[in-house]
């Protein structure tokens, strides 16, 4: 697999989503991907979800206090569910309720690593 920055950039281009500079900076701290307190729109989270599905570089993901929208959270959780190296997921401060709770339960129950 390509390095994380190249893979993320390729996925952004493929999905016609702007590269988020703050995400690129966060890749410097891998295997912990700390995106806490960032504004992460659904299209960025869709790309990050796709990235998580194939990466072996992330063991911890924090999106604490991002106030993620329902669709953004859904995309991240789909990726987290498939990420075989992800062991820690921090979702604090995202007001998770309703349908998002079901997506969270599904990600946790279907993941082999979280």
C-alpha atoms as a PDB file:
ATOM      1  CA  UNK A   1       0.000   0.000   0.000  1.00  0.00           C
ATOM      2  CA  UNK A   2       1.091   3.577  -0.666  1.00  0.00           C
ATOM      3  CA  UNK A   3       2.057   5.832   2.183  1.00  0.00           C
ATOM      4  CA  UNK A   4      -0.949   7.224   4.089  1.00  0.00           C
ATOM      5  CA  UNK A   5      -0.739  10.760   2.707  1.00  0.00           C
ATOM      6  CA  UNK A   6      -0.572   9.538  -0.885  1.00  0.00           C
ATOM      7  CA  UNK A   7      -3.432   7.093  -0.332  1.00  0.00           C
ATOM      8  CA  UNK A   8      -5.620   9.746   1.325  1.00  0.00           C
ATOM      9  CA  UNK A   9      -4.846  12.229  -1.466  1.00  0.00           C
ATOM     10  CA  UNK A  10      -5.651   9.628  -4.135  1.00  0.00           C
ATOM     11  CA  UNK A  11      -8.986   8.833  -2.480  1.00  0.00           C
ATOM     12  CA  UNK A  12      -9.825  12.547  -2.240  1.00  0.00           C
ATOM     13  CA  UNK A  13      -9.144  12.944  -5.929  1.00  0.00           C
ATOM     14  CA  UNK A  14     -11.137   9.813  -6.774  1.00  0.00           C
ATOM     15  CA  UNK A  15     -14.152  11.049  -4.775  1.00  0.00           C
ATOM     16  CA  UNK A  16     -13.750  14.702  -5.890  1.00  0.00           C
ATOM     17  CA  UNK A  17     -13.312  15.805  -2.295  1.00  0.00           C
ATOM     18  CA  UNK A  18     -10.909  18.564  -1.234  1.00  0.00           C
ATOM     19  CA  UNK A  19      -7.816  17.413   0.657  1.00  0.00           C
ATOM     20  CA  UNK A  20      -8.041  18.659   4.239  1.00  0.00           C
ATOM     21  CA  UNK A  21      -4.647  20.052   5.353  1.00  0.00           C
ATOM     22  CA  UNK A  22      -5.424  19.265   9.003  1.00  0.00           C
ATOM     23  CA  UNK A  23      -5.887  15.589   8.101  1.00  0.00           C
ATOM     24  CA  UNK A  24      -2.517  15.572   6.317  1.00  0.00           C
ATOM     25  CA  UNK A  25      -0.899  17.041   9.456  1.00  0.00           C
ATOM     26  CA  UNK A  26      -2.595  14.376  11.619  1.00  0.00           C
ATOM     27  CA  UNK A  27      -0.952  11.633   9.543  1.00  0.00           C
ATOM     28  CA  UNK A  28       2.391  12.722  11.060  1.00  0.00           C
ATOM     29  CA  UNK A  29       1.290  11.127  14.351  1.00  0.00           C
ATOM     30  CA  UNK A  30       0.342   7.694  13.050  1.00  0.00           C
ATOM     31  CA  UNK A  31      -0.473   5.061  14.245  1.00  0.00           C
ATOM     32  CA  UNK A  32      -2.703   7.453  16.246  1.00  0.00           C
ATOM     33  CA  UNK A  33      -4.958   9.436  13.916  1.00  0.00           C
ATOM     34  CA  UNK A  34      -6.154  12.307  16.081  1.00  0.00           C
ATOM     35  CA  UNK A  35      -8.743  14.423  14.300  1.00  0.00           C
ATOM     36  CA  UNK A  36     -10.260  15.805  17.513  1.00  0.00           C
ATOM     37  CA  UNK A  37     -12.000  19.171  17.356  1.00  0.00           C
ATOM     38  CA  UNK A  38     -11.778  19.364  13.557  1.00  0.00           C
ATOM     39  CA  UNK A  39     -14.678  20.272  11.329  1.00  0.00           C
ATOM     40  CA  UNK A  40     -15.091  17.131   9.242  1.00  0.00           C
ATOM     41  CA  UNK A  41     -17.783  17.323   6.556  1.00  0.00           C
ATOM     42  CA  UNK A  42     -19.489  14.165   5.330  1.00  0.00           C
ATOM     43  CA  UNK A  43     -17.481  14.024   2.094  1.00  0.00           C
ATOM     44  CA  UNK A  44     -14.206  14.106   4.025  1.00  0.00           C
ATOM     45  CA  UNK A  45     -15.485  11.410   6.378  1.00  0.00           C
ATOM     46  CA  UNK A  46     -16.490   9.288   3.392  1.00  0.00           C
ATOM     47  CA  UNK A  47     -12.904   9.447   2.121  1.00  0.00           C
ATOM     48  CA  UNK A  48     -11.529   8.751   5.597  1.00  0.00           C
ATOM     49  CA  UNK A  49     -13.871   5.782   5.901  1.00  0.00           C
ATOM     50  CA  UNK A  50     -12.554   4.383   2.603  1.00  0.00           C
ATOM     51  CA  UNK A  51      -9.011   5.022   3.822  1.00  0.00           C
ATOM     52  CA  UNK A  52      -9.670   3.140   7.075  1.00  0.00           C
ATOM     53  CA  UNK A  53     -11.032   0.135   5.184  1.00  0.00           C
ATOM     54  CA  UNK A  54      -7.655  -0.538   3.581  1.00  0.00           C
ATOM     55  CA  UNK A  55      -5.013   0.963   5.848  1.00  0.00           C
ATOM     56  CA  UNK A  56      -2.752  -0.887   8.239  1.00  0.00           C
ATOM     57  CA  UNK A  57      -1.280   2.356   9.577  1.00  0.00           C
ATOM     58  CA  UNK A  58      -3.990   3.323  12.109  1.00  0.00           C
ATOM     59  CA  UNK A  59      -4.381   1.727  15.537  1.00  0.00           C
ATOM     60  CA  UNK A  60      -6.176   4.625  17.249  1.00  0.00           C
ATOM     61  CA  UNK A  61      -8.742   7.047  15.841  1.00  0.00           C
ATOM     62  CA  UNK A  62     -10.034  10.063  17.711  1.00  0.00           C
ATOM     63  CA  UNK A  63     -12.781  12.274  16.358  1.00  0.00           C
ATOM     64  CA  UNK A  64     -13.624  13.655  19.792  1.00  0.00           C
ATOM     65  CA  UNK A  65     -15.566  16.913  19.893  1.00  0.00           C
ATOM     66  CA  UNK A  66     -15.971  17.119  16.100  1.00  0.00           C
ATOM     67  CA  UNK A  67     -19.769  17.403  16.287  1.00  0.00           C
ATOM     68  CA  UNK A  68     -20.028  14.972  13.397  1.00  0.00           C
ATOM     69  CA  UNK A  69     -23.207  14.937  11.360  1.00  0.00           C
ATOM     70  CA  UNK A  70     -25.098  11.661  11.141  1.00  0.00           C
ATOM     71  CA  UNK A  71     -23.866  10.875   7.611  1.00  0.00           C
ATOM     72  CA  UNK A  72     -20.244  11.744   8.464  1.00  0.00           C
ATOM     73  CA  UNK A  73     -20.307   9.430  11.481  1.00  0.00           C
ATOM     74  CA  UNK A  74     -21.846   6.656   9.391  1.00  0.00           C
ATOM     75  CA  UNK A  75     -18.971   6.826   6.874  1.00  0.00           C
ATOM     76  CA  UNK A  76     -16.309   6.794   9.584  1.00  0.00           C
ATOM     77  CA  UNK A  77     -17.909   3.880  11.382  1.00  0.00           C
ATOM     78  CA  UNK A  78     -18.146   1.860   8.168  1.00  0.00           C
ATOM     79  CA  UNK A  79     -14.410   2.333   7.716  1.00  0.00           C
ATOM     80  CA  UNK A  80     -13.629   1.633  11.366  1.00  0.00           C
ATOM     81  CA  UNK A  81     -15.574  -1.621  11.184  1.00  0.00           C
ATOM     82  CA  UNK A  82     -13.323  -2.870   8.359  1.00  0.00           C
ATOM     83  CA  UNK A  83     -10.001  -1.577   9.735  1.00  0.00           C
ATOM     84  CA  UNK A  84      -8.209  -4.651  11.055  1.00  0.00           C
ATOM     85  CA  UNK A  85      -5.577  -2.657  12.958  1.00  0.00           C
ATOM     86  CA  UNK A  86      -7.898  -0.173  14.723  1.00  0.00           C
ATOM     87  CA  UNK A  87      -8.080  -0.903  18.455  1.00  0.00           C
ATOM     88  CA  UNK A  88      -9.197   2.416  19.945  1.00  0.00           C
ATOM     89  CA  UNK A  89     -12.014   4.668  18.756  1.00  0.00           C
ATOM     90  CA  UNK A  90     -12.753   7.945  20.577  1.00  0.00           C
ATOM     91  CA  UNK A  91     -16.124   9.472  19.672  1.00  0.00           C
ATOM     92  CA  UNK A  92     -16.587  11.709  22.735  1.00  0.00           C
ATOM     93  CA  UNK A  93     -18.556  14.892  22.170  1.00  0.00           C
ATOM     94  CA  UNK A  94     -20.375  13.923  18.984  1.00  0.00           C
ATOM     95  CA  UNK A  95     -23.941  13.786  20.352  1.00  0.00           C
ATOM     96  CA  UNK A  96     -24.496  10.249  19.100  1.00  0.00           C
ATOM     97  CA  UNK A  97     -28.149   9.214  19.217  1.00  0.00           C
ATOM     98  CA  UNK A  98     -30.906   7.580  17.179  1.00  0.00           C
ATOM     99  CA  UNK A  99     -29.766   5.948  13.957  1.00  0.00           C
ATOM    100  CA  UNK A 100     -26.136   6.823  14.720  1.00  0.00           C
ATOM    101  CA  UNK A 101     -26.326   4.592  17.797  1.00  0.00           C
ATOM    102  CA  UNK A 102     -27.275   1.673  15.569  1.00  0.00           C
ATOM    103  CA  UNK A 103     -24.338   2.385  13.240  1.00  0.00           C
ATOM    104  CA  UNK A 104     -22.014   2.478  16.244  1.00  0.00           C
ATOM    105  CA  UNK A 105     -23.358  -0.811  17.608  1.00  0.00           C
ATOM    106  CA  UNK A 106     -22.972  -2.434  14.201  1.00  0.00           C
ATOM    107  CA  UNK A 107     -19.379  -1.231  13.842  1.00  0.00           C
ATOM    108  CA  UNK A 108     -18.416  -2.529  17.268  1.00  0.00           C
ATOM    109  CA  UNK A 109     -20.165  -5.859  16.926  1.00  0.00           C
ATOM    110  CA  UNK A 110     -18.808  -6.582  13.438  1.00  0.00           C
ATOM    111  CA  UNK A 111     -15.252  -5.412  14.049  1.00  0.00           C
ATOM    112  CA  UNK A 112     -12.599  -7.954  14.903  1.00  0.00           C
ATOM    113  CA  UNK A 113     -10.327  -5.390  16.499  1.00  0.00           C
ATOM    114  CA  UNK A 114     -12.275  -2.581  18.221  1.00  0.00           C
END
